[in-house]
Protein backbone atom coordinates (compact mmCIF):
# COMPACT_ATOMS: atom_id res chain seq x y z
CA MET A 1 -87.80 -11.42 9.60
CA GLN A 2 -85.18 -9.36 7.46
CA ASN A 3 -86.55 -7.21 5.00
CA TRP A 4 -84.28 -7.90 2.00
CA GLU A 5 -85.74 -5.33 -0.07
CA ASP A 6 -84.59 -2.87 2.70
CA PRO A 7 -81.96 -4.44 4.75
CA PHE A 8 -81.46 -1.36 6.86
CA ALA A 9 -85.31 -0.93 7.78
CA PRO A 10 -85.97 -1.90 11.58
CA LEU A 11 -87.38 -5.28 12.21
CA PRO A 12 -91.09 -5.09 13.20
CA GLU A 13 -92.35 -5.98 16.44
CA THR A 14 -94.23 -8.99 16.30
CA SER A 15 -95.76 -11.64 18.94
CA ALA A 16 -94.69 -15.10 18.70
CA PRO A 17 -96.07 -16.77 15.77
CA GLU A 18 -98.40 -19.66 15.81
CA PRO A 19 -96.71 -22.94 15.06
CA LYS A 20 -97.30 -24.04 11.65
CA VAL A 21 -97.17 -27.50 10.12
CA ILE A 22 -95.45 -27.49 6.80
CA VAL A 23 -96.50 -30.07 4.34
CA PRO A 24 -93.62 -30.44 1.50
CA PRO A 25 -94.90 -30.49 -1.90
CA VAL A 26 -94.71 -33.58 -3.93
CA ALA A 27 -91.69 -33.49 -5.91
CA ALA A 28 -91.94 -33.65 -9.72
CA ALA A 29 -90.08 -36.46 -11.46
CA ALA A 30 -87.03 -35.16 -13.14
CA PRO A 31 -87.21 -34.95 -16.78
CA MET A 32 -85.07 -37.53 -18.60
CA THR A 33 -81.75 -35.94 -20.22
CA GLN A 34 -79.60 -37.39 -22.90
CA PRO A 35 -75.67 -37.77 -22.04
CA LEU A 36 -73.74 -35.58 -24.00
CA ILE A 37 -72.01 -37.53 -26.46
CA ASP A 38 -68.40 -37.11 -27.59
CA VAL A 39 -67.53 -34.39 -24.91
CA LYS A 40 -63.86 -34.50 -23.96
CA PRO A 41 -62.40 -33.07 -20.78
CA VAL A 42 -60.52 -29.74 -21.38
CA ASN A 43 -57.00 -30.22 -22.24
CA PRO A 44 -54.86 -27.58 -20.65
CA ASP A 45 -52.40 -27.57 -23.36
CA ASP A 46 -55.35 -26.15 -25.50
CA LYS A 47 -55.80 -23.21 -23.25
CA ARG A 48 -54.67 -19.70 -24.21
CA VAL A 49 -54.64 -16.11 -22.62
CA VAL A 50 -56.60 -14.75 -25.40
CA ASN A 51 -58.69 -16.11 -28.28
CA GLY A 52 -58.71 -19.60 -26.77
CA MET A 53 -61.47 -22.18 -27.48
CA THR A 54 -61.64 -24.13 -24.35
CA ASP A 55 -64.38 -24.16 -21.81
CA ILE A 56 -63.99 -20.99 -19.94
CA ASN A 57 -66.03 -22.24 -17.15
CA GLN A 58 -63.62 -25.24 -16.23
CA LEU A 59 -60.84 -24.04 -13.96
CA ALA A 60 -58.68 -27.12 -13.80
CA PRO A 61 -56.52 -28.66 -15.01
CA PHE A 62 -54.50 -25.42 -15.13
CA LYS A 63 -52.17 -24.28 -17.80
CA TYR A 64 -51.29 -21.20 -15.85
CA PRO A 65 -50.78 -22.46 -12.10
CA TRP A 66 -48.90 -19.47 -11.47
CA ALA A 67 -52.02 -17.19 -11.97
CA TRP A 68 -53.87 -19.48 -9.18
CA GLU A 69 -50.65 -18.91 -6.97
CA TYR A 70 -51.24 -15.05 -7.30
CA PHE A 71 -54.65 -15.42 -6.26
CA LEU A 72 -53.78 -17.46 -3.21
CA ASN A 73 -51.05 -15.18 -2.23
CA ALA A 74 -53.35 -12.06 -2.84
CA ASN A 75 -55.57 -13.49 -0.20
CA LYS A 76 -52.95 -13.43 2.35
CA ASN A 77 -52.52 -9.76 2.14
CA HIS A 78 -55.97 -9.25 3.50
CA TRP A 79 -56.98 -6.02 5.37
CA THR A 80 -59.13 -3.17 5.42
CA PRO A 81 -58.53 0.63 6.21
CA LEU A 82 -60.33 0.11 9.48
CA ASP A 83 -57.73 -2.09 10.87
CA ILE A 84 -55.38 1.07 11.06
CA ASN A 85 -55.39 3.79 13.80
CA MET A 86 -55.63 7.09 12.08
CA ALA A 87 -56.02 9.16 15.33
CA GLN A 88 -52.33 10.32 15.17
CA ASP A 89 -52.77 11.59 11.69
CA VAL A 90 -55.61 13.87 12.57
CA SER A 91 -53.36 15.73 14.95
CA ASP A 92 -50.41 15.78 12.48
CA TYR A 93 -52.31 17.01 9.75
CA HIS A 94 -54.03 19.89 11.52
CA HIS A 95 -51.08 20.70 13.99
CA LYS A 96 -47.78 19.47 12.56
CA LEU A 97 -47.61 19.66 8.67
CA THR A 98 -46.35 22.68 6.93
CA MET A 99 -48.70 24.34 4.40
CA GLU A 100 -46.19 22.67 1.66
CA GLU A 101 -46.54 19.19 3.31
CA ARG A 102 -50.39 19.69 3.48
CA HIS A 103 -50.35 20.44 -0.22
CA VAL A 104 -48.30 17.29 -1.10
CA TYR A 105 -50.49 15.06 0.96
CA GLU A 106 -53.80 16.40 -0.36
CA ASN A 107 -52.63 16.15 -4.05
CA VAL A 108 -51.39 12.59 -3.68
CA LEU A 109 -54.89 11.63 -2.42
CA SER A 110 -56.63 13.58 -5.18
CA TYR A 111 -54.58 11.57 -7.84
CA LEU A 112 -54.83 8.09 -5.98
CA THR A 113 -58.57 8.25 -5.58
CA THR A 114 -59.32 8.68 -9.45
CA SER A 115 -56.57 6.51 -10.37
CA ASP A 116 -57.66 3.40 -8.55
CA VAL A 117 -61.32 3.89 -10.08
CA LEU A 118 -59.85 3.90 -13.43
CA ALA A 119 -57.65 0.97 -12.56
CA MET A 120 -60.64 -1.02 -11.47
CA ARG A 121 -62.61 -0.14 -14.74
CA ASN A 122 -59.59 -1.31 -16.89
CA ILE A 123 -59.50 -4.29 -15.15
CA GLY A 124 -63.20 -5.39 -14.74
CA LEU A 125 -64.43 -3.87 -17.93
CA ALA A 126 -61.64 -3.87 -20.25
CA VAL A 127 -59.18 -6.88 -19.63
CA MET A 128 -61.23 -9.64 -17.65
CA GLU A 129 -63.78 -10.35 -20.39
CA LYS A 130 -60.94 -10.89 -22.90
CA MET A 131 -59.15 -13.73 -21.02
CA SER A 132 -59.87 -17.02 -22.01
CA ALA A 133 -58.46 -19.10 -19.05
CA PRO A 134 -60.47 -18.92 -15.80
CA GLU A 135 -57.36 -19.01 -13.57
CA LEU A 136 -56.47 -15.53 -14.99
CA GLN A 137 -59.74 -14.21 -14.60
CA ILE A 138 -59.95 -15.19 -11.00
CA TYR A 139 -56.90 -13.43 -9.95
CA GLN A 140 -58.19 -10.43 -11.86
CA ALA A 141 -61.66 -10.65 -9.95
CA ARG A 142 -59.76 -10.41 -6.66
CA GLN A 143 -57.77 -7.31 -8.31
CA VAL A 144 -61.17 -5.59 -9.20
CA TYR A 145 -62.08 -5.90 -5.44
CA GLU A 146 -58.65 -4.67 -4.21
CA GLU A 147 -58.93 -1.63 -6.39
CA ALA A 148 -62.49 -0.98 -4.73
CA LEU A 149 -60.66 -1.57 -1.16
CA HIS A 150 -57.88 1.05 -2.13
CA THR A 151 -60.52 3.81 -3.32
CA TRP A 152 -62.30 3.02 0.11
CA THR A 153 -59.05 3.48 1.92
CA TYR A 154 -58.36 6.91 0.29
CA GLN A 155 -61.91 7.77 1.03
CA HIS A 156 -61.37 6.69 4.51
CA CYS A 157 -58.24 9.07 4.96
CA ILE A 158 -60.38 11.93 3.31
CA GLU A 159 -63.26 11.39 5.86
CA THR A 160 -61.09 10.94 8.87
CA LEU A 161 -59.31 14.27 8.38
CA ASN A 162 -62.38 16.04 7.43
CA LEU A 163 -61.22 17.14 4.35
CA ASP A 164 -63.35 18.89 1.58
CA GLN A 165 -64.49 15.75 -0.57
CA GLY A 166 -65.91 17.67 -3.39
CA GLU A 167 -62.70 19.85 -3.62
CA ILE A 168 -60.15 16.87 -3.21
CA TYR A 169 -62.12 14.51 -5.65
CA ASN A 170 -62.43 17.34 -8.32
CA ARG A 171 -58.90 18.31 -8.49
CA TYR A 172 -58.09 15.81 -11.13
CA ARG A 173 -60.38 17.62 -13.41
CA VAL A 174 -59.32 21.23 -12.75
CA VAL A 175 -55.55 20.67 -12.11
CA PRO A 176 -53.72 20.14 -15.35
CA GLU A 177 -50.73 18.31 -14.09
CA ILE A 178 -52.95 15.63 -12.44
CA ASN A 179 -55.55 15.65 -15.17
CA GLY A 180 -52.86 14.87 -17.71
CA LYS A 181 -51.95 11.75 -16.40
CA ILE A 182 -55.52 10.55 -16.05
CA GLN A 183 -56.14 11.63 -19.79
CA ILE A 184 -53.33 9.38 -20.99
CA ALA A 185 -54.83 6.40 -19.13
CA ASN A 186 -58.34 7.34 -20.36
CA ARG A 187 -57.10 7.11 -23.86
CA ARG A 188 -55.43 3.65 -23.60
CA LEU A 189 -58.35 2.25 -21.80
CA ASP A 190 -60.90 3.77 -24.35
CA SER A 191 -58.92 2.24 -27.11
CA ILE A 192 -59.48 -1.46 -25.86
CA MET A 193 -62.97 -1.06 -24.11
CA ARG A 194 -64.88 -1.08 -27.45
CA SER A 195 -67.56 -3.72 -27.50
CA ASP A 196 -66.58 -4.48 -31.07
CA ILE A 197 -62.87 -5.16 -30.57
CA ASP A 198 -61.70 -8.41 -32.24
CA LEU A 199 -58.30 -9.76 -30.74
CA THR A 200 -57.76 -12.01 -33.78
CA ASP A 201 -56.95 -8.96 -35.71
CA ARG A 202 -53.53 -8.27 -35.60
CA ASP A 203 -53.55 -4.70 -35.34
CA GLU A 204 -56.24 -4.70 -32.53
CA LEU A 205 -54.24 -7.51 -30.82
CA HIS A 206 -51.16 -5.32 -30.94
CA ASN A 207 -53.03 -2.38 -29.26
CA PHE A 208 -54.38 -4.41 -26.64
CA VAL A 209 -50.88 -5.61 -25.86
CA MET A 210 -49.58 -2.02 -25.54
CA ALA A 211 -52.60 -1.07 -23.29
CA TYR A 212 -51.92 -3.81 -21.19
CA ILE A 213 -48.22 -3.12 -21.13
CA PHE A 214 -49.01 0.61 -20.15
CA PHE A 215 -51.36 -0.28 -17.41
CA ALA A 216 -49.33 -2.96 -15.80
CA GLY A 217 -45.68 -1.61 -16.54
CA VAL A 218 -46.48 2.09 -16.19
CA PHE A 219 -49.75 3.06 -14.40
CA GLU A 220 -49.61 0.57 -11.81
CA GLY A 221 -45.89 -0.38 -12.01
CA CYS A 222 -44.35 3.17 -11.89
CA TRP A 223 -46.93 5.79 -11.28
CA PHE A 224 -48.63 3.98 -8.30
CA TYR A 225 -45.59 2.58 -6.97
CA ASN A 226 -43.69 6.08 -7.26
CA GLY A 227 -46.95 8.05 -6.35
CA PHE A 228 -46.94 6.63 -2.77
CA SER A 229 -43.24 8.00 -2.08
CA PRO A 230 -43.92 11.41 -0.74
CA ILE A 231 -46.19 9.81 1.96
CA PHE A 232 -43.61 7.44 2.95
CA ALA A 233 -40.95 10.61 3.05
CA LEU A 234 -43.27 11.97 5.69
CA GLN A 235 -43.67 8.40 7.53
CA ARG A 236 -39.81 8.60 7.81
CA ARG A 237 -40.06 11.73 9.64
CA GLY A 238 -42.89 10.26 12.11
CA LEU A 239 -45.70 12.06 10.36
CA MET A 240 -49.02 10.72 8.85
CA LYS A 241 -47.90 7.16 10.11
CA GLY A 242 -51.69 5.82 9.68
CA THR A 243 -52.00 6.93 6.30
CA ALA A 244 -48.51 5.57 5.23
CA GLU A 245 -49.38 2.08 6.76
CA GLN A 246 -52.52 2.27 4.59
CA LEU A 247 -50.42 2.77 1.62
CA GLN A 248 -47.82 0.00 2.45
CA TYR A 249 -50.71 -2.44 2.21
CA ILE A 250 -51.82 -0.83 -1.07
CA MET A 251 -48.30 -0.91 -2.28
CA ARG A 252 -48.14 -4.51 -1.61
CA ASP A 253 -51.14 -5.11 -3.58
CA GLU A 254 -50.27 -2.80 -6.36
CA VAL A 255 -46.64 -4.61 -6.70
CA MET A 256 -48.73 -7.88 -7.28
CA HIS A 257 -51.00 -6.26 -9.93
CA ALA A 258 -48.11 -5.09 -11.89
CA SER A 259 -46.09 -8.22 -11.73
CA PHE A 260 -49.31 -10.34 -12.59
CA GLY A 261 -49.96 -8.07 -15.52
CA ILE A 262 -46.54 -8.04 -16.90
CA ARG A 263 -46.43 -11.68 -16.57
CA VAL A 264 -49.73 -12.10 -18.56
CA VAL A 265 -48.66 -9.69 -21.24
CA ARG A 266 -45.46 -11.62 -21.98
CA GLN A 267 -47.41 -14.76 -22.25
CA ILE A 268 -49.96 -13.13 -24.81
CA ILE A 269 -46.50 -12.02 -26.60
CA GLN A 270 -45.42 -15.35 -26.59
CA GLU A 271 -48.44 -17.17 -27.54
CA GLU A 272 -49.73 -14.78 -30.37
CA ASN A 273 -46.28 -14.18 -31.77
CA VAL A 274 -46.51 -10.38 -31.11
CA THR A 275 -43.59 -8.08 -32.17
CA LEU A 276 -43.40 -4.89 -30.05
CA ASP A 277 -42.58 -1.77 -31.83
CA VAL A 278 -39.48 -0.20 -30.38
CA ASN A 279 -40.47 3.36 -31.49
CA GLU A 280 -44.02 2.92 -29.88
CA MET A 281 -42.41 1.69 -26.70
CA ARG A 282 -40.08 4.63 -26.64
CA GLN A 283 -43.03 7.05 -27.09
CA MET A 284 -44.90 5.39 -24.18
CA TRP A 285 -41.94 5.83 -21.70
CA ASP A 286 -41.33 9.32 -22.70
CA GLU A 287 -44.89 10.25 -22.55
CA ALA A 288 -45.21 8.71 -19.10
CA GLU A 289 -41.97 10.50 -18.08
CA ALA A 290 -43.25 13.76 -19.26
CA ALA A 291 -46.72 13.54 -17.35
CA GLU A 292 -44.81 12.21 -14.19
CA SER A 293 -42.33 15.17 -14.19
CA ALA A 294 -45.07 17.83 -14.70
CA TYR A 295 -47.14 16.08 -11.85
CA ALA A 296 -43.88 15.93 -9.59
CA GLY A 297 -43.47 19.75 -10.35
CA TYR A 298 -47.04 20.50 -9.23
CA ILE A 299 -47.21 18.57 -6.08
CA MET A 300 -43.60 19.33 -4.88
CA ARG A 301 -43.60 23.03 -6.24
CA ASP A 302 -42.09 23.77 -2.99
CA PRO A 303 -39.61 20.74 -1.64
CA ILE A 304 -40.61 19.34 1.66
CA LEU A 305 -37.70 18.03 4.14
CA GLY A 306 -36.24 14.68 2.75
CA TYR A 307 -38.01 14.95 -0.46
CA SER A 308 -37.92 16.93 -3.86
CA LYS A 309 -39.13 17.09 -7.27
CA GLU A 310 -35.75 15.72 -8.51
CA ASP A 311 -35.95 12.73 -6.15
CA HIS A 312 -39.47 12.05 -7.29
CA VAL A 313 -38.65 12.24 -11.27
CA GLN A 314 -35.39 10.10 -10.69
CA GLN A 315 -37.15 7.38 -8.96
CA PHE A 316 -39.76 7.04 -11.63
CA ARG A 317 -36.96 6.36 -14.12
CA TYR A 318 -35.30 3.89 -11.92
CA ILE A 319 -38.52 2.24 -11.53
CA ALA A 320 -39.23 2.25 -15.11
CA ASN A 321 -36.15 0.38 -15.73
CA ARG A 322 -37.16 -2.20 -13.44
CA ARG A 323 -40.52 -2.57 -15.05
CA ALA A 324 -38.71 -2.63 -18.47
CA LYS A 325 -36.33 -5.35 -17.22
CA GLN A 326 -39.27 -7.45 -16.10
CA LEU A 327 -41.17 -6.97 -19.56
CA LYS A 328 -37.90 -8.18 -21.18
CA VAL A 329 -37.37 -5.01 -23.21
CA ALA A 330 -34.67 -2.46 -23.43
CA GLN A 331 -34.49 0.04 -20.36
CA PRO A 332 -35.65 3.42 -21.20
CA PHE A 333 -33.33 5.34 -18.72
CA PRO A 334 -30.11 3.15 -18.59
CA GLY A 335 -27.86 3.91 -15.82
CA VAL A 336 -30.16 5.56 -13.50
CA GLU A 337 -29.86 4.80 -9.82
CA SER A 338 -32.43 4.91 -7.00
CA ALA A 339 -33.05 8.31 -5.49
CA LEU A 340 -34.51 6.55 -2.72
CA PRO A 341 -32.73 3.70 -1.43
CA TRP A 342 -34.87 3.51 1.48
CA LEU A 343 -38.28 2.99 -0.08
CA ASP A 344 -38.34 -0.62 -0.62
CA GLU A 345 -37.56 -1.08 2.90
CA GLN A 346 -39.85 1.77 4.24
CA ALA A 347 -42.84 0.05 2.24
CA ASN A 348 -42.11 -3.38 3.64
CA LEU A 349 -44.55 -4.63 6.10
CA ARG A 350 -42.09 -7.11 7.79
CA LYS A 351 -41.86 -5.60 11.19
CA GLU A 352 -42.59 -5.99 14.74
CA LYS A 353 -45.91 -4.22 16.10
CA ASN A 354 -46.49 -3.32 19.55
CA PHE A 355 -49.44 -5.03 20.84
CA PHE A 356 -50.71 -1.85 22.91
CA GLU A 357 -50.38 0.55 20.24
CA THR A 358 -51.99 -0.99 17.10
CA ARG A 359 -54.10 -3.82 15.99
CA VAL A 360 -52.58 -6.81 14.46
CA THR A 361 -53.21 -6.48 10.73
CA GLU A 362 -50.38 -8.60 9.56
CA TYR A 363 -52.35 -12.02 9.22
CA GLN A 364 -50.07 -14.24 6.90
CA THR A 365 -48.55 -11.22 4.97
CA GLY A 366 -44.83 -11.17 6.82
CA GLY A 367 -43.13 -13.72 5.13
CA ALA A 368 -45.61 -15.08 2.51
CA LEU A 369 -45.31 -12.44 -0.09
CA SER A 370 -42.38 -11.29 -2.53
CA TRP A 371 -42.15 -7.80 -3.87
CA ASP A 372 -40.74 -8.12 -7.42
């Protein structure tokens, strides 16, 4: 039989066992329990995103049916990195990419590997436990899984190309331009992951809202979204197409993460009557832009064909305006136009696949999901 203490141990060779007669034990009489008195069903109107007092274990009736829809849609974007052929990427990386392009590719992976672990910790350890409506937690549980899946994807790319794992993973510590973004995120995360945080305190609640805005609107909504663009620029030239396809699936997840987080934080603002500090919002955008500019200057220290530092920073500002519009706050960089008009189309998976060249990994994703 299977050894559940060590499931990878080989099964012992055994002869056919003697048949046994199993005599079931006599069932003990169930203890008598008194029915609960005056227990009323959950009224969905009493639910709240945070600080709710209803039964957190009772899923329905929903107060936030849109959260359940996010969960259902997330399951339509189902994939694993093993579904995508990476053979051509191995050849491209070792024989076609220039030194500058390898620098871009490696450092994008270095940033993303650490960032998705951080995002997983944020949702799993700092956000989920504070939600007081289970339909919100259920999508966030899926989100935690997806962040782990994304980390597996980057690791799969690193292993496939036989990159130095220790060196790649350690860059976020030793490269200031990558570490700067991680430190900003760590500061926001540490401020809300304290065990004694009390969201009935207005100051604590405001800090939680600002941290949630940062992770949904900036970290996932801008930095991740923008972070895939250099790889998509290579894909447009027929290079590293396997990695780019992996990132297309990840990007679809991340857009849903950002959209869900923004929807949740707007709900908190409404329910808890939170007023955002205009100066604090301005400081958040400026800090994020400065960190993204430094990062772009490092990964794009030498422009590659079809992509530059200026493109990267301008696209960040454009996406930041889009996230601000979703948050229903003032746009931080008014009038900025997209530097990469091809990005949304390039990242979209609604396309035909040649059956003989790749596995079918679309599932229900093609027409079932919307971007923003």
